[in-house]
C-alpha cells in the first residue's frame, strides 16, 4: 500500500473509530449546506460510516431548516478536525434524505432514549418562541417516546472528494482524493 492509499485508509479508520470511541474528535463534525446562495454551517453527530459507499450518516429533526436546504441544493461540505493529531478533513459530496422506511425505523430503534427525546420538542428547530422553555416536550410525550419518530430523519452524505491536510512542524502535507466513476480514486498532492 502506498502513502496515498494509507492516508485514505486512515481517514476511514478514524471515521469508523469515532462511532465507538467516546470523545473522538470526528464524532461531532460540521456540515455546510447552501441557504439563499450562502453557506450555512452547523455541527452534527456522526451516526454511521460506510467505507464501501464512501458515505457517512447523521440524524436530524425533519422540521429543521437543513431539510429544505438539502432539497433545494444537495451539495455539501463536511469538516472534521483532530486538534491532537492536527489533521483536517474537508469532505465534499452530495447530501440526501433517507427514504427507506425500514432503515429509518431501524436507526430510530438503535437510538438511545436521550437522543430520542430531542425529537419530542413541540417547536421546530429555529422557530421563534416566546420563552426559552416553550420548546420542551410535554410530559405526556414521555409516556410514549416512540412518537418522536415522526420528526426523525436520517441524512446521508456521499463523498466525491476529500481534501486531507496534516499540519506539522516538520512541514504541512495536503492531498486531494477524488472518487470518480466506480471504484476509481485519483490522488493529487497540492500545496497546503
Protein backbone atom coordinates (compact mmCIF):
# COMPACT_ATOMS: atom_id res chain seq x y z
CA UNK A 1 0.00 0.00 0.00
CA UNK A 2 1.46 3.38 -0.98
CA UNK A 3 1.35 6.53 1.17
CA UNK A 4 -1.74 7.92 -0.55
CA UNK A 5 -3.72 4.71 -0.02
CA UNK A 6 -2.53 4.57 3.60
CA UNK A 7 -3.84 8.10 4.20
CA UNK A 8 -7.23 7.19 2.72
CA UNK A 9 -7.35 4.05 4.86
CA UNK A 10 -6.53 6.09 7.97
CA UNK A 11 -9.32 8.56 7.16
CA UNK A 12 -11.89 5.75 7.07
CA UNK A 13 -10.36 4.09 10.15
CA UNK A 14 -10.69 7.33 12.13
CA UNK A 15 -14.25 7.95 10.97
CA UNK A 16 -15.21 4.41 11.99
CA UNK A 17 -13.39 4.75 15.33
CA UNK A 18 -15.41 7.88 16.10
CA UNK A 19 -18.53 5.72 16.33
CA UNK A 20 -17.01 3.62 19.11
CA UNK A 21 -14.56 5.84 21.00
CA UNK A 22 -16.13 8.37 23.37
CA UNK A 23 -14.83 11.89 22.81
CA UNK A 24 -13.29 11.08 19.42
CA UNK A 25 -12.79 14.39 17.58
CA UNK A 26 -14.60 13.18 14.44
CA UNK A 27 -17.77 12.15 16.32
CA UNK A 28 -19.10 15.70 16.13
CA UNK A 29 -18.41 17.35 12.79
CA UNK A 30 -19.56 20.38 10.83
CA UNK A 31 -21.58 20.42 7.65
CA UNK A 32 -22.20 23.34 5.35
CA UNK A 33 -25.24 23.50 3.12
CA UNK A 34 -26.49 26.38 0.98
CA UNK A 35 -29.20 28.81 2.12
CA UNK A 36 -30.08 31.84 -0.03
CA UNK A 37 -26.88 31.32 -2.03
CA UNK A 38 -24.76 31.48 1.14
CA UNK A 39 -23.10 28.76 3.20
CA UNK A 40 -24.96 27.67 6.32
CA UNK A 41 -22.88 25.60 8.76
CA UNK A 42 -23.70 23.60 11.86
CA UNK A 43 -22.38 20.71 13.92
CA UNK A 44 -23.95 17.28 13.71
CA UNK A 45 -23.25 13.88 15.29
CA UNK A 46 -21.76 11.13 13.15
CA UNK A 47 -24.06 8.07 13.32
CA UNK A 48 -22.81 5.73 10.61
CA UNK A 49 -19.87 5.27 8.26
CA UNK A 50 -19.95 3.23 5.05
CA UNK A 51 -16.46 2.89 3.60
CA UNK A 52 -17.68 0.97 0.54
CA UNK A 53 -20.23 3.64 -0.39
CA UNK A 54 -17.85 6.45 0.62
CA UNK A 55 -20.59 7.85 2.84
CA UNK A 56 -21.46 8.97 6.35
CA UNK A 57 -24.78 9.43 8.10
CA UNK A 58 -26.24 11.73 10.74
CA UNK A 59 -29.72 12.27 12.14
CA UNK A 60 -31.77 15.46 12.27
CA UNK A 61 -35.23 16.78 13.04
CA UNK A 62 -37.47 16.59 9.97
CA UNK A 63 -38.70 20.10 10.77
CA UNK A 64 -35.22 21.69 10.71
CA UNK A 65 -34.04 24.15 8.05
CA UNK A 66 -31.47 21.60 6.90
CA UNK A 67 -34.22 19.56 5.27
CA UNK A 68 -35.39 22.31 2.92
CA UNK A 69 -31.79 23.30 2.19
CA UNK A 70 -30.94 19.71 1.23
CA UNK A 71 -33.99 19.55 -1.03
CA UNK A 72 -33.01 22.82 -2.73
CA UNK A 73 -29.29 22.07 -3.19
CA UNK A 74 -27.70 18.72 -2.44
CA UNK A 75 -24.10 19.99 -2.44
CA UNK A 76 -22.41 19.73 0.95
CA UNK A 77 -19.07 20.08 2.66
CA UNK A 78 -18.33 18.13 5.85
CA UNK A 79 -15.48 19.30 8.08
CA UNK A 80 -13.67 17.03 10.54
CA UNK A 81 -10.74 18.17 12.68
CA UNK A 82 -8.49 16.37 15.14
CA UNK A 83 -6.66 19.01 17.16
CA UNK A 84 -4.30 16.49 18.80
CA UNK A 85 -3.15 14.97 15.50
CA UNK A 86 -3.59 18.27 13.65
CA UNK A 87 -5.50 16.57 10.84
CA UNK A 88 -8.22 18.41 8.95
CA UNK A 89 -10.56 16.66 6.54
CA UNK A 90 -12.88 18.55 4.24
CA UNK A 91 -15.16 16.08 2.51
CA UNK A 92 -17.30 17.26 -0.39
CA UNK A 93 -20.24 15.45 -1.88
CA UNK A 94 -23.97 15.10 -2.20
CA UNK A 95 -26.36 15.02 0.71
CA UNK A 96 -29.69 13.23 0.71
CA UNK A 97 -32.61 12.42 2.96
CA UNK A 98 -33.04 8.68 3.54
CA UNK A 99 -36.36 7.36 2.22
CA UNK A 100 -36.09 3.67 3.16
CA UNK A 101 -38.71 3.38 5.92
CA UNK A 102 -37.29 0.12 7.28
CA UNK A 103 -33.81 1.63 7.59
CA UNK A 104 -35.23 4.75 9.27
CA UNK A 105 -37.16 2.62 11.78
CA UNK A 106 -34.05 0.56 12.44
CA UNK A 107 -31.93 3.69 13.09
CA UNK A 108 -34.64 5.01 15.40
CA UNK A 109 -34.74 1.71 17.26
CA UNK A 110 -30.94 1.83 17.68
CA UNK A 111 -31.05 5.39 19.07
CA UNK A 112 -30.65 5.91 22.80
CA UNK A 113 -33.51 7.35 24.83
CA UNK A 114 -31.52 10.56 25.39
CA UNK A 115 -31.31 11.03 21.60
CA UNK A 116 -34.98 10.20 21.04
CA UNK A 117 -36.01 12.94 23.48
CA UNK A 118 -34.64 15.54 21.06
CA UNK A 119 -37.41 14.67 18.60
CA UNK A 120 -40.25 15.25 21.08
CA UNK A 121 -39.92 19.05 21.22
CA UNK A 122 -43.12 20.95 20.47
CA UNK A 123 -41.47 23.57 18.25
CA UNK A 124 -39.42 23.06 15.13
CA UNK A 125 -35.73 23.91 15.39
CA UNK A 126 -35.20 27.59 14.60
CA UNK A 127 -38.86 28.54 15.18
CA UNK A 128 -39.40 31.72 17.19
CA UNK A 129 -40.66 31.04 20.72
CA UNK A 130 -41.73 33.41 23.49
CA UNK A 131 -39.96 31.67 26.35
CA UNK A 132 -36.77 29.59 26.48
CA UNK A 133 -38.78 26.68 27.91
CA UNK A 134 -41.54 26.80 25.27
CA UNK A 135 -39.77 24.28 23.07
CA UNK A 136 -39.77 21.49 25.65
CA UNK A 137 -41.74 18.33 25.05
CA UNK A 138 -44.87 17.64 27.07
CA UNK A 139 -44.55 15.24 30.00
CA UNK A 140 -47.30 13.17 28.33
CA UNK A 141 -44.92 12.55 25.43
CA UNK A 142 -42.57 10.75 27.79
CA UNK A 143 -45.22 8.06 28.17
CA UNK A 144 -44.74 7.18 24.52
CA UNK A 145 -41.31 8.35 23.44
CA UNK A 146 -41.76 6.49 20.16
CA UNK A 147 -43.99 9.29 18.80
CA UNK A 148 -40.76 11.23 18.18
CA UNK A 149 -40.06 9.14 15.09
CA UNK A 150 -42.40 11.43 13.14
CA UNK A 151 -39.76 14.18 13.49
CA UNK A 152 -36.76 11.90 12.89
CA UNK A 153 -34.71 11.97 9.67
CA UNK A 154 -31.66 10.03 8.57
CA UNK A 155 -29.32 12.06 6.38
CA UNK A 156 -26.64 10.56 4.13
CA UNK A 157 -23.59 12.27 2.70
CA UNK A 158 -21.83 10.53 -0.18
CA UNK A 159 -18.33 11.85 -0.70
CA UNK A 160 -16.93 12.61 -4.15
CA UNK A 161 -13.82 14.44 -2.91
CA UNK A 162 -11.74 14.57 0.26
CA UNK A 163 -9.24 17.33 1.00
CA UNK A 164 -6.84 16.00 3.68
CA UNK A 165 -4.47 18.38 5.48
CA UNK A 166 -1.82 17.40 8.01
CA UNK A 167 -0.42 20.36 9.94
CA UNK A 168 3.09 19.54 11.11
CA UNK A 169 6.10 21.48 12.37
CA UNK A 170 8.11 19.26 10.01
CA UNK A 171 6.10 20.61 7.07
CA UNK A 172 2.43 20.52 6.24
CA UNK A 173 1.05 17.94 3.82
CA UNK A 174 -2.10 18.13 1.76
CA UNK A 175 -3.68 15.71 -0.66
CA UNK A 176 -6.89 15.84 -2.70
CA UNK A 177 -8.63 12.49 -3.11
CA UNK A 178 -11.22 12.33 -5.89
CA UNK A 179 -13.67 9.46 -6.15
CA UNK A 180 -14.52 9.13 -9.82
CA UNK A 181 -16.68 6.61 -11.65
CA UNK A 182 -17.00 3.30 -9.87
CA UNK A 183 -14.08 2.48 -7.63
CA UNK A 184 -11.61 4.77 -9.37
CA UNK A 185 -9.68 7.01 -6.99
CA UNK A 186 -7.40 9.84 -8.04
CA UNK A 187 -4.82 11.22 -5.59
CA UNK A 188 -3.28 14.64 -6.11
CA UNK A 189 -0.74 16.27 -3.79
CA UNK A 190 -1.22 20.04 -3.54
CA UNK A 191 0.49 22.85 -1.67
CA UNK A 192 -1.01 23.23 1.82
